[in-house]
Amino acid sequence: MSKIITYELLGYMQAYTWYGERVYTWLVVKTNESGLEQIKKDPLQDYISFGVASVEYVHFDVYRIERWEDSKYFYERRTKEPVEKIEAGEPIIALEDMPCHGDYAVVDY
């Protein structure tokens, strides 16, 4: 059985548009070890190609996912708690002003 390890980052980014508006989006970023390392090196990036002037803040909870298969089944094991957090920049919108009922953008990184 071969095991594949991936990561799911749950969180959000806050940015300024070209018109000076403050915006945010909830994110689910799916990546591998290499992608996770790239995100850690440069977390303040436009993950969904908003076309924003600048990304000011990101916050992610990182979950580890192990997948493997045998001849009959696929198996998956996920961490219940984040294995780490990634946070960069300064918030420009208070968390309580970001409705939780918004859609999440799902991104393969």
PDB file of N, CA and C in Angstrom:
ATOM      1  N   MET A   1       0.847  -1.191   0.000  1.00  0.00           N
ATOM      2  CA  MET A   1       0.000   0.000   0.000  1.00  0.00           C
ATOM      3  C   MET A   1       0.883   1.242   0.000  1.00  0.00           C
ATOM      4  N   SER A   2       0.586   2.142  -0.902  1.00  0.00           N
ATOM      5  CA  SER A   2       1.311   3.409  -0.908  1.00  0.00           C
ATOM      6  C   SER A   2       0.488   4.459  -0.171  1.00  0.00           C
ATOM      7  N   LYS A   3       1.175   5.263   0.597  1.00  0.00           N
ATOM      8  CA  LYS A   3       0.506   6.307   1.371  1.00  0.00           C
ATOM      9  C   LYS A   3       0.790   7.661   0.744  1.00  0.00           C
ATOM     10  N   ILE A   4      -0.249   8.479   0.624  1.00  0.00           N
ATOM     11  CA  ILE A   4      -0.113   9.829   0.119  1.00  0.00           C
ATOM     12  C   ILE A   4      -0.504  10.784   1.242  1.00  0.00           C
ATOM     13  N   ILE A   5       0.346  11.770   1.511  1.00  0.00           N
ATOM     14  CA  ILE A   5       0.067  12.749   2.560  1.00  0.00           C
ATOM     15  C   ILE A   5      -0.237  14.088   1.899  1.00  0.00           C
ATOM     16  N   THR A   6      -1.378  14.643   2.250  1.00  0.00           N
ATOM     17  CA  THR A   6      -1.761  15.960   1.759  1.00  0.00           C
ATOM     18  C   THR A   6      -2.170  16.817   2.952  1.00  0.00           C
ATOM     19  N   TYR A   7      -2.431  18.082   2.676  1.00  0.00           N
ATOM     20  CA  TYR A   7      -2.830  19.016   3.730  1.00  0.00           C
ATOM     21  C   TYR A   7      -4.036  19.815   3.266  1.00  0.00           C
ATOM     22  N   GLU A   8      -4.888  20.132   4.213  1.00  0.00           N
ATOM     23  CA  GLU A   8      -6.039  20.994   3.951  1.00  0.00           C
ATOM     24  C   GLU A   8      -5.918  22.182   4.896  1.00  0.00           C
ATOM     25  N   LEU A   9      -5.876  23.370   4.311  1.00  0.00           N
ATOM     26  CA  LEU A   9      -5.752  24.601   5.076  1.00  0.00           C
ATOM     27  C   LEU A   9      -7.112  25.280   5.097  1.00  0.00           C
ATOM     28  N   LEU A  10      -7.669  25.466   6.281  1.00  0.00           N
ATOM     29  CA  LEU A  10      -8.961  26.126   6.439  1.00  0.00           C
ATOM     30  C   LEU A  10      -8.726  27.495   7.055  1.00  0.00           C
ATOM     31  N   GLY A  11      -9.260  28.522   6.417  1.00  0.00           N
ATOM     32  CA  GLY A  11      -9.055  29.859   6.960  1.00  0.00           C
ATOM     33  C   GLY A  11      -9.603  30.933   6.049  1.00  0.00           C
ATOM     34  N   TYR A  12      -8.907  32.066   6.016  1.00  0.00           N
ATOM     35  CA  TYR A  12      -9.391  33.203   5.246  1.00  0.00           C
ATOM     36  C   TYR A  12      -8.243  34.143   4.909  1.00  0.00           C
ATOM     37  N   MET A  13      -8.502  34.999   3.917  1.00  0.00           N
ATOM     38  CA  MET A  13      -7.568  36.061   3.587  1.00  0.00           C
ATOM     39  C   MET A  13      -8.322  37.379   3.563  1.00  0.00           C
ATOM     40  N   GLN A  14      -7.610  38.451   3.876  1.00  0.00           N
ATOM     41  CA  GLN A  14      -8.167  39.803   3.826  1.00  0.00           C
ATOM     42  C   GLN A  14      -7.279  40.630   2.894  1.00  0.00           C
ATOM     43  N   ALA A  15      -7.923  41.471   2.088  1.00  0.00           N
ATOM     44  CA  ALA A  15      -7.166  42.212   1.084  1.00  0.00           C
ATOM     45  C   ALA A  15      -7.807  43.559   0.801  1.00  0.00           C
ATOM     46  N   TYR A  16      -7.072  44.389   0.059  1.00  0.00           N
ATOM     47  CA  TYR A  16      -7.605  45.632  -0.488  1.00  0.00           C
ATOM     48  C   TYR A  16      -7.779  45.467  -1.988  1.00  0.00           C
ATOM     49  N   THR A  17      -8.912  45.949  -2.505  1.00  0.00           N
ATOM     50  CA  THR A  17      -9.123  45.950  -3.949  1.00  0.00           C
ATOM     51  C   THR A  17      -8.391  47.137  -4.557  1.00  0.00           C
ATOM     52  N   TRP A  18      -8.402  47.207  -5.884  1.00  0.00           N
ATOM     53  CA  TRP A  18      -7.785  48.336  -6.585  1.00  0.00           C
ATOM     54  C   TRP A  18      -8.547  49.632  -6.310  1.00  0.00           C
ATOM     55  N   TYR A  19      -9.784  49.520  -5.778  1.00  0.00           N
ATOM     56  CA  TYR A  19     -10.587  50.705  -5.453  1.00  0.00           C
ATOM     57  C   TYR A  19     -10.502  51.074  -3.979  1.00  0.00           C
ATOM     58  N   GLY A  20      -9.599  50.407  -3.243  1.00  0.00           N
ATOM     59  CA  GLY A  20      -9.400  50.721  -1.838  1.00  0.00           C
ATOM     60  C   GLY A  20     -10.398  50.061  -0.893  1.00  0.00           C
ATOM     61  N   GLU A  21     -11.241  49.163  -1.395  1.00  0.00           N
ATOM     62  CA  GLU A  21     -12.208  48.470  -0.537  1.00  0.00           C
ATOM     63  C   GLU A  21     -11.521  47.326   0.206  1.00  0.00           C
ATOM     64  N   ARG A  22     -11.958  47.122   1.437  1.00  0.00           N
ATOM     65  CA  ARG A  22     -11.488  45.977   2.212  1.00  0.00           C
ATOM     66  C   ARG A  22     -12.371  44.783   1.864  1.00  0.00           C
ATOM     67  N   VAL A  23     -11.774  43.655   1.532  1.00  0.00           N
ATOM     68  CA  VAL A  23     -12.532  42.448   1.190  1.00  0.00           C
ATOM     69  C   VAL A  23     -11.917  41.250   1.917  1.00  0.00           C
ATOM     70  N   TYR A  24     -12.691  40.193   2.019  1.00  0.00           N
ATOM     71  CA  TYR A  24     -12.193  38.947   2.607  1.00  0.00           C
ATOM     72  C   TYR A  24     -12.835  37.784   1.871  1.00  0.00           C
ATOM     73  N   THR A  25     -12.215  36.629   2.005  1.00  0.00           N
ATOM     74  CA  THR A  25     -12.824  35.400   1.511  1.00  0.00           C
ATOM     75  C   THR A  25     -12.405  34.252   2.414  1.00  0.00           C
ATOM     76  N   TRP A  26     -13.337  33.366   2.664  1.00  0.00           N
ATOM     77  CA  TRP A  26     -13.061  32.139   3.401  1.00  0.00           C
ATOM     78  C   TRP A  26     -12.424  31.164   2.424  1.00  0.00           C
ATOM     79  N   LEU A  27     -11.439  30.407   2.875  1.00  0.00           N
ATOM     80  CA  LEU A  27     -10.680  29.535   1.985  1.00  0.00           C
ATOM     81  C   LEU A  27     -10.544  28.120   2.514  1.00  0.00           C
ATOM     82  N   VAL A  28     -10.531  27.168   1.589  1.00  0.00           N
ATOM     83  CA  VAL A  28     -10.090  25.798   1.819  1.00  0.00           C
ATOM     84  C   VAL A  28      -9.010  25.562   0.767  1.00  0.00           C
ATOM     85  N   VAL A  29      -7.768  25.451   1.203  1.00  0.00           N
ATOM     86  CA  VAL A  29      -6.653  25.242   0.280  1.00  0.00           C
ATOM     87  C   VAL A  29      -6.176  23.804   0.446  1.00  0.00           C
ATOM     88  N   LYS A  30      -6.196  23.054  -0.653  1.00  0.00           N
ATOM     89  CA  LYS A  30      -5.733  21.663  -0.643  1.00  0.00           C
ATOM     90  C   LYS A  30      -4.372  21.612  -1.313  1.00  0.00           C
ATOM     91  N   THR A  31      -3.393  21.016  -0.600  1.00  0.00           N
ATOM     92  CA  THR A  31      -2.031  21.027  -1.127  1.00  0.00           C
ATOM     93  C   THR A  31      -1.243  19.824  -0.633  1.00  0.00           C
ATOM     94  N   ASN A  32      -0.034  19.689  -1.141  1.00  0.00           N
ATOM     95  CA  ASN A  32       0.890  18.647  -0.688  1.00  0.00           C
ATOM     96  C   ASN A  32       1.987  19.290   0.165  1.00  0.00           C
ATOM     97  N   GLU A  33       2.986  18.505   0.530  1.00  0.00           N
ATOM     98  CA  GLU A  33       4.069  19.006   1.397  1.00  0.00           C
ATOM     99  C   GLU A  33       4.807  20.177   0.749  1.00  0.00           C
ATOM    100  N   SER A  34       5.089  20.059  -0.538  1.00  0.00           N
ATOM    101  CA  SER A  34       5.800  21.118  -1.253  1.00  0.00           C
ATOM    102  C   SER A  34       4.977  22.411  -1.278  1.00  0.00           C
ATOM    103  N   GLY A  35       3.699  22.290  -1.580  1.00  0.00           N
ATOM    104  CA  GLY A  35       2.820  23.461  -1.594  1.00  0.00           C
ATOM    105  C   GLY A  35       2.708  24.100  -0.224  1.00  0.00           C
ATOM    106  N   LEU A  36       2.641  23.274   0.816  1.00  0.00           N
ATOM    107  CA  LEU A  36       2.569  23.798   2.180  1.00  0.00           C
ATOM    108  C   LEU A  36       3.823  24.608   2.501  1.00  0.00           C
ATOM    109  N   GLU A  37       4.978  24.100   2.109  1.00  0.00           N
ATOM    110  CA  GLU A  37       6.224  24.828   2.361  1.00  0.00           C
ATOM    111  C   GLU A  37       6.243  26.160   1.609  1.00  0.00           C
ATOM    112  N   GLN A  38       5.739  26.176   0.379  1.00  0.00           N
ATOM    113  CA  GLN A  38       5.677  27.427  -0.388  1.00  0.00           C
ATOM    114  C   GLN A  38       4.750  28.441   0.280  1.00  0.00           C
ATOM    115  N   ILE A  39       3.618  27.958   0.772  1.00  0.00           N
ATOM    116  CA  ILE A  39       2.673  28.845   1.457  1.00  0.00           C
ATOM    117  C   ILE A  39       3.301  29.406   2.733  1.00  0.00           C
ATOM    118  N   LYS A  40       4.026  28.585   3.470  1.00  0.00           N
ATOM    119  CA  LYS A  40       4.687  29.061   4.692  1.00  0.00           C
ATOM    120  C   LYS A  40       5.716  30.150   4.369  1.00  0.00           C
ATOM    121  N   LYS A  41       6.436  29.996   3.249  1.00  0.00           N
ATOM    122  CA  LYS A  41       7.447  30.983   2.862  1.00  0.00           C
ATOM    123  C   LYS A  41       6.821  32.297   2.412  1.00  0.00           C
ATOM    124  N   ASP A  42       5.664  32.211   1.733  1.00  0.00           N
ATOM    125  CA  ASP A  42       5.017  33.407   1.179  1.00  0.00           C
ATOM    126  C   ASP A  42       3.505  33.316   1.393  1.00  0.00           C
ATOM    127  N   PRO A  43       3.037  33.490   2.625  1.00  0.00           N
ATOM    128  CA  PRO A  43       1.609  33.304   2.897  1.00  0.00           C
ATOM    129  C   PRO A  43       0.712  34.423   2.372  1.00  0.00           C
ATOM    130  N   LEU A  44       1.235  35.620   2.205  1.00  0.00           N
ATOM    131  CA  LEU A  44       0.405  36.758   1.789  1.00  0.00           C
ATOM    132  C   LEU A  44       0.284  36.796   0.264  1.00  0.00           C
ATOM    133  N   GLN A  45      -0.534  35.891  -0.266  1.00  0.00           N
ATOM    134  CA  GLN A  45      -0.747  35.835  -1.704  1.00  0.00           C
ATOM    135  C   GLN A  45      -2.226  35.705  -2.024  1.00  0.00           C
ATOM    136  N   ASP A  46      -2.575  36.030  -3.246  1.00  0.00           N
ATOM    137  CA  ASP A  46      -3.963  35.989  -3.705  1.00  0.00           C
ATOM    138  C   ASP A  46      -4.292  34.562  -4.132  1.00  0.00           C
ATOM    139  N   TYR A  47      -4.871  33.789  -3.242  1.00  0.00           N
ATOM    140  CA  TYR A  47      -5.104  32.362  -3.475  1.00  0.00           C
ATOM    141  C   TYR A  47      -6.187  32.084  -4.514  1.00  0.00           C
ATOM    142  N   ILE A  48      -7.081  33.028  -4.738  1.00  0.00           N
ATOM    143  CA  ILE A  48      -8.161  32.769  -5.696  1.00  0.00           C
ATOM    144  C   ILE A  48      -8.141  33.747  -6.863  1.00  0.00           C
ATOM    145  N   SER A  49      -7.047  34.436  -7.046  1.00  0.00           N
ATOM    146  CA  SER A  49      -6.897  35.380  -8.162  1.00  0.00           C
ATOM    147  C   SER A  49      -8.011  36.415  -8.186  1.00  0.00           C
ATOM    148  N   PHE A  50      -8.240  37.014  -7.035  1.00  0.00           N
ATOM    149  CA  PHE A  50      -9.197  38.116  -6.918  1.00  0.00           C
ATOM    150  C   PHE A  50      -8.818  39.256  -7.856  1.00  0.00           C
ATOM    151  N   GLY A  51      -7.505  39.410  -8.053  1.00  0.00           N
ATOM    152  CA  GLY A  51      -7.023  40.591  -8.731  1.00  0.00           C
ATOM    153  C   GLY A  51      -7.002  41.764  -7.767  1.00  0.00           C
ATOM    154  N   VAL A  52      -6.606  41.507  -6.532  1.00  0.00           N
ATOM    155  CA  VAL A  52      -6.586  42.547  -5.504  1.00  0.00           C
ATOM    156  C   VAL A  52      -5.305  43.359  -5.592  1.00  0.00           C
ATOM    157  N   ALA A  53      -5.345  44.550  -5.021  1.00  0.00           N
ATOM    158  CA  ALA A  53      -4.158  45.399  -4.975  1.00  0.00           C
ATOM    159  C   ALA A  53      -3.129  44.808  -4.014  1.00  0.00           C
ATOM    160  N   SER A  54      -3.601  44.302  -2.875  1.00  0.00           N
ATOM    161  CA  SER A  54      -2.682  43.712  -1.899  1.00  0.00           C
ATOM    162  C   SER A  54      -3.427  42.783  -0.962  1.00  0.00           C
ATOM    163  N   VAL A  55      -2.772  41.697  -0.590  1.00  0.00           N
ATOM    164  CA  VAL A  55      -3.281  40.794   0.445  1.00  0.00           C
ATOM    165  C   VAL A  55      -2.630  41.246   1.745  1.00  0.00           C
ATOM    166  N   GLU A  56      -3.462  41.594   2.717  1.00  0.00           N
ATOM    167  CA  GLU A  56      -2.960  42.166   3.965  1.00  0.00           C
ATOM    168  C   GLU A  56      -2.844  41.159   5.105  1.00  0.00           C
ATOM    169  N   TYR A  57      -3.671  40.105   5.066  1.00  0.00           N
ATOM    170  CA  TYR A  57      -3.698  39.183   6.203  1.00  0.00           C
ATOM    171  C   TYR A  57      -4.206  37.822   5.753  1.00  0.00           C
ATOM    172  N   VAL A  58      -3.581  36.770   6.249  1.00  0.00           N
ATOM    173  CA  VAL A  58      -4.087  35.410   6.051  1.00  0.00           C
ATOM    174  C   VAL A  58      -4.021  34.660   7.371  1.00  0.00           C
ATOM    175  N   HIS A  59      -4.963  33.774   7.542  1.00  0.00           N
ATOM    176  CA  HIS A  59      -5.003  32.897   8.716  1.00  0.00           C
ATOM    177  C   HIS A  59      -5.447  31.518   8.242  1.00  0.00           C
ATOM    178  N   PHE A  60      -4.650  30.493   8.538  1.00  0.00           N
ATOM    179  CA  PHE A  60      -4.997  29.120   8.176  1.00  0.00           C
ATOM    180  C   PHE A  60      -4.786  28.189   9.356  1.00  0.00           C
ATOM    181  N   ASP A  61      -5.715  27.261   9.536  1.00  0.00           N
ATOM    182  CA  ASP A  61      -5.508  26.091  10.374  1.00  0.00           C
ATOM    183  C   ASP A  61      -5.147  24.964   9.422  1.00  0.00           C
ATOM    184  N   VAL A  62      -4.046  24.264   9.698  1.00  0.00           N
ATOM    185  CA  VAL A  62      -3.523  23.246   8.789  1.00  0.00           C
ATOM    186  C   VAL A  62      -3.872  21.859   9.325  1.00  0.00           C
ATOM    187  N   TYR A  63      -4.539  21.060   8.493  1.00  0.00           N
ATOM    188  CA  TYR A  63      -4.911  19.690   8.837  1.00  0.00           C
ATOM    189  C   TYR A  63      -4.167  18.720   7.930  1.00  0.00           C
ATOM    190  N   ARG A  64      -3.676  17.649   8.502  1.00  0.00           N
ATOM    191  CA  ARG A  64      -2.928  16.627   7.756  1.00  0.00           C
ATOM    192  C   ARG A  64      -3.884  15.499   7.355  1.00  0.00           C
ATOM    193  N   ILE A  65      -3.768  15.058   6.112  1.00  0.00           N
ATOM    194  CA  ILE A  65      -4.609  13.980   5.599  1.00  0.00           C
ATOM    195  C   ILE A  65      -3.700  12.891   5.030  1.00  0.00           C
ATOM    196  N   GLU A  66      -3.884  11.661   5.499  1.00  0.00           N
ATOM    197  CA  GLU A  66      -3.149  10.514   4.971  1.00  0.00           C
ATOM    198  C   GLU A  66      -4.128   9.652   4.190  1.00  0.00           C
ATOM    199  N   ARG A  67      -3.758   9.290   2.960  1.00  0.00           N
ATOM    200  CA  ARG A  67      -4.607   8.437   2.123  1.00  0.00           C
ATOM    201  C   ARG A  67      -3.802   7.244   1.642  1.00  0.00           C
ATOM    202  N   TRP A  68      -4.438   6.087   1.618  1.00  0.00           N
ATOM    203  CA  TRP A  68      -3.817   4.904   1.051  1.00  0.00           C
ATOM    204  C   TRP A  68      -4.914   3.978   0.569  1.00  0.00           C
ATOM    205  N   GLU A  69      -4.537   2.976  -0.184  1.00  0.00           N
ATOM    206  CA  GLU A  69      -5.519   2.060  -0.734  1.00  0.00           C
ATOM    207  C   GLU A  69      -4.952   0.654  -0.786  1.00  0.00           C
ATOM    208  N   ASP A  70      -5.853  -0.305  -0.775  1.00  0.00           N
ATOM    209  CA  ASP A  70      -5.477  -1.680  -1.060  1.00  0.00           C
ATOM    210  C   ASP A  70      -6.291  -2.111  -2.281  1.00  0.00           C
ATOM    211  N   SER A  71      -6.370  -3.374  -2.552  1.00  0.00           N
ATOM    212  CA  SER A  71      -7.046  -3.822  -3.772  1.00  0.00           C
ATOM    213  C   SER A  71      -8.552  -3.584  -3.742  1.00  0.00           C
ATOM    214  N   LYS A  72      -9.109  -3.346  -2.565  1.00  0.00           N
ATOM    215  CA  LYS A  72     -10.560  -3.229  -2.455  1.00  0.00           C
ATOM    216  C   LYS A  72     -11.056  -1.872  -1.947  1.00  0.00           C
ATOM    217  N   TYR A  73     -10.267  -1.178  -1.111  1.00  0.00           N
ATOM    218  CA  TYR A  73     -10.750   0.022  -0.447  1.00  0.00           C
ATOM    219  C   TYR A  73      -9.744   1.174  -0.520  1.00  0.00           C
ATOM    220  N   PHE A  74     -10.288   2.383  -0.407  1.00  0.00           N
ATOM    221  CA  PHE A  74      -9.500   3.578  -0.148  1.00  0.00           C
ATOM    222  C   PHE A  74      -9.647   3.886   1.330  1.00  0.00           C
ATOM    223  N   TYR A  75      -8.578   4.319   1.965  1.00  0.00           N
ATOM    224  CA  TYR A  75      -8.607   4.696   3.374  1.00  0.00           C
ATOM    225  C   TYR A  75      -8.144   6.141   3.489  1.00  0.00           C
ATOM    226  N   GLU A  76      -8.696   6.821   4.498  1.00  0.00           N
ATOM    227  CA  GLU A  76      -8.289   8.199   4.736  1.00  0.00           C
ATOM    228  C   GLU A  76      -8.282   8.456   6.233  1.00  0.00           C
ATOM    229  N   ARG A  77      -7.249   9.120   6.685  1.00  0.00           N
ATOM    230  CA  ARG A  77      -7.148   9.500   8.096  1.00  0.00           C
ATOM    231  C   ARG A  77      -6.811  10.978   8.148  1.00  0.00           C
ATOM    232  N   ARG A  78      -7.629  11.739   8.906  1.00  0.00           N
ATOM    233  CA  ARG A  78      -7.448  13.186   9.043  1.00  0.00           C
ATOM    234  C   ARG A  78      -7.227  13.531  10.505  1.00  0.00           C
ATOM    235  N   THR A  79      -6.448  14.570  10.721  1.00  0.00           N
ATOM    236  CA  THR A  79      -6.286  15.041  12.091  1.00  0.00           C
ATOM    237  C   THR A  79      -7.548  15.793  12.510  1.00  0.00           C
ATOM    238  N   LYS A  80      -7.948  15.622  13.771  1.00  0.00           N
ATOM    239  CA  LYS A  80      -9.118  16.337  14.289  1.00  0.00           C
ATOM    240  C   LYS A  80      -8.785  17.783  14.601  1.00  0.00           C
ATOM    241  N   GLU A  81      -7.593  17.989  15.088  1.00  0.00           N
ATOM    242  CA  GLU A  81      -7.117  19.321  15.457  1.00  0.00           C
ATOM    243  C   GLU A  81      -6.056  19.757  14.448  1.00  0.00           C
ATOM    244  N   PRO A  82      -5.894  21.057  14.259  1.00  0.00           N
ATOM    245  CA  PRO A  82      -4.848  21.518  13.339  1.00  0.00           C
ATOM    246  C   PRO A  82      -3.466  21.061  13.806  1.00  0.00           C
ATOM    247  N   VAL A  83      -2.620  20.687  12.844  1.00  0.00           N
ATOM    248  CA  VAL A  83      -1.245  20.319  13.182  1.00  0.00           C
ATOM    249  C   VAL A  83      -0.382  21.568  13.330  1.00  0.00           C
ATOM    250  N   GLU A  84      -0.829  22.671  12.738  1.00  0.00           N
ATOM    251  CA  GLU A  84      -0.163  23.964  12.906  1.00  0.00           C
ATOM    252  C   GLU A  84      -1.080  25.070  12.407  1.00  0.00           C
ATOM    253  N   LYS A  85      -0.679  26.293  12.685  1.00  0.00           N
ATOM    254  CA  LYS A  85      -1.397  27.470  12.202  1.00  0.00           C
ATOM    255  C   LYS A  85      -0.436  28.313  11.380  1.00  0.00           C
ATOM    256  N   ILE A  86      -0.980  28.940  10.341  1.00  0.00           N
ATOM    257  CA  ILE A  86      -0.207  29.892   9.546  1.00  0.00           C
ATOM    258  C   ILE A  86      -0.948  31.218   9.642  1.00  0.00           C
ATOM    259  N   GLU A  87      -0.233  32.235  10.066  1.00  0.00           N
ATOM    260  CA  GLU A  87      -0.829  33.561  10.204  1.00  0.00           C
ATOM    261  C   GLU A  87       0.213  34.586   9.782  1.00  0.00           C
ATOM    262  N   ALA A  88      -0.191  35.507   8.916  1.00  0.00           N
ATOM    263  CA  ALA A  88       0.758  36.519   8.446  1.00  0.00           C
ATOM    264  C   ALA A  88       0.024  37.819   8.162  1.00  0.00           C
ATOM    265  N   GLY A  89       0.728  38.922   8.342  1.00  0.00           N
ATOM    266  CA  GLY A  89       0.167  40.236   8.083  1.00  0.00           C
ATOM    267  C   GLY A  89      -0.603  40.777   9.266  1.00  0.00           C
ATOM    268  N   GLU A  90      -1.312  41.879   9.011  1.00  0.00           N
ATOM    269  CA  GLU A  90      -2.123  42.536  10.038  1.00  0.00           C
ATOM    270  C   GLU A  90      -3.581  42.540   9.575  1.00  0.00           C
ATOM    271  N   PRO A  91      -4.515  42.110  10.454  1.00  0.00           N
ATOM    272  CA  PRO A  91      -5.929  42.113  10.072  1.00  0.00           C
ATOM    273  C   PRO A  91      -6.419  43.524   9.752  1.00  0.00           C
ATOM    274  N   ILE A  92      -7.250  43.630   8.706  1.00  0.00           N
ATOM    275  CA  ILE A  92      -7.859  44.909   8.346  1.00  0.00           C
ATOM    276  C   ILE A  92      -9.369  44.885   8.550  1.00  0.00           C
ATOM    277  N   ILE A  93      -9.893  43.701   8.865  1.00  0.00           N
ATOM    278  CA  ILE A  93     -11.315  43.524   9.148  1.00  0.00           C
ATOM    279  C   ILE A  93     -11.413  42.681  10.408  1.00  0.00           C
ATOM    280  N   ALA A  94     -12.205  43.124  11.373  1.00  0.00           N
ATOM    281  CA  ALA A  94     -12.380  42.344  12.599  1.00  0.00           C
ATOM    282  C   ALA A  94     -13.104  41.035  12.274  1.00  0.00           C
ATOM    283  N   LEU A  95     -12.684  39.963  12.914  1.00  0.00           N
ATOM    284  CA  LEU A  95     -13.273  38.651  12.657  1.00  0.00           C
ATOM    285  C   LEU A  95     -14.785  38.662  12.849  1.00  0.00           C
ATOM    286  N   GLU A  96     -15.266  39.403  13.833  1.00  0.00           N
ATOM    287  CA  GLU A  96     -16.712  39.448  14.083  1.00  0.00           C
ATOM    288  C   GLU A  96     -17.473  40.174  12.959  1.00  0.00           C
ATOM    289  N   ASP A  97     -16.768  40.913  12.110  1.00  0.00           N
ATOM    290  CA  ASP A  97     -17.392  41.579  10.966  1.00  0.00           C
ATOM    291  C   ASP A  97     -17.333  40.747   9.690  1.00  0.00           C
ATOM    292  N   MET A  98     -16.855  39.502   9.813  1.00  0.00           N
ATOM    293  CA  MET A  98     -16.780  38.596   8.668  1.00  0.00           C
ATOM    294  C   MET A  98     -17.821  37.491   8.859  1.00  0.00           C
ATOM    295  N   PRO A  99     -18.979  37.583   8.219  1.00  0.00           N
ATOM    296  CA  PRO A  99     -20.019  36.567   8.414  1.00  0.00           C
ATOM    297  C   PRO A  99     -19.503  35.165   8.115  1.00  0.00           C
ATOM    298  N   CYS A 100     -19.815  34.233   8.994  1.00  0.00           N
ATOM    299  CA  CYS A 100     -19.369  32.853   8.813  1.00  0.00           C
ATOM    300  C   CYS A 100     -20.211  32.100   7.791  1.00  0.00           C
ATOM    301  N   HIS A 101     -21.333  32.644   7.393  1.00  0.00           N
ATOM    302  CA  HIS A 101     -22.220  31.919   6.492  1.00  0.00           C
ATOM    303  C   HIS A 101     -21.834  32.088   5.020  1.00  0.00           C
ATOM    304  N   GLY A 102     -20.750  32.780   4.746  1.00  0.00           N
ATOM    305  CA  GLY A 102     -20.319  32.958   3.363  1.00  0.00           C
ATOM    306  C   GLY A 102     -19.780  31.662   2.780  1.00  0.00           C
ATOM    307  N   ASP A 103     -19.688  31.617   1.474  1.00  0.00           N
ATOM    308  CA  ASP A 103     -19.147  30.449   0.790  1.00  0.00           C
ATOM    309  C   ASP A 103     -17.638  30.387   0.959  1.00  0.00           C
ATOM    310  N   TYR A 104     -17.123  29.173   0.980  1.00  0.00           N
ATOM    311  CA  TYR A 104     -15.687  28.962   0.997  1.00  0.00           C
ATOM    312  C   TYR A 104     -15.203  28.798  -0.427  1.00  0.00           C
ATOM    313  N   ALA A 105     -14.100  29.408  -0.774  1.00  0.00           N
ATOM    314  CA  ALA A 105     -13.451  29.160  -2.059  1.00  0.00           C
ATOM    315  C   ALA A 105     -12.533  27.970  -1.856  1.00  0.00           C
ATOM    316  N   VAL A 106     -12.692  26.931  -2.670  1.00  0.00           N
ATOM    317  CA  VAL A 106     -11.849  25.735  -2.581  1.00  0.00           C
ATOM    318  C   VAL A 106     -10.771  25.854  -3.647  1.00  0.00           C
ATOM    319  N   VAL A 107      -9.513  25.744  -3.200  1.00  0.00           N
ATOM    320  CA  VAL A 107      -8.378  25.991  -4.082  1.00  0.00           C
ATOM    321  C   VAL A 107      -7.422  24.800  -4.019  1.00  0.00           C
ATOM    322  N   ASP A 108      -7.015  24.296  -5.178  1.00  0.00           N
ATOM    323  CA  ASP A 108      -5.934  23.311  -5.237  1.00  0.00           C
ATOM    324  C   ASP A 108      -4.648  24.086  -5.453  1.00  0.00           C
ATOM    325  N   TYR A 109      -3.703  23.912  -4.536  1.00  0.00           N
ATOM    326  CA  TYR A 109      -2.457  24.682  -4.602  1.00  0.00           C
ATOM    327  C   TYR A 109      -1.308  23.729  -4.843  1.00  0.00           C
TER     328      TYR A 109
END
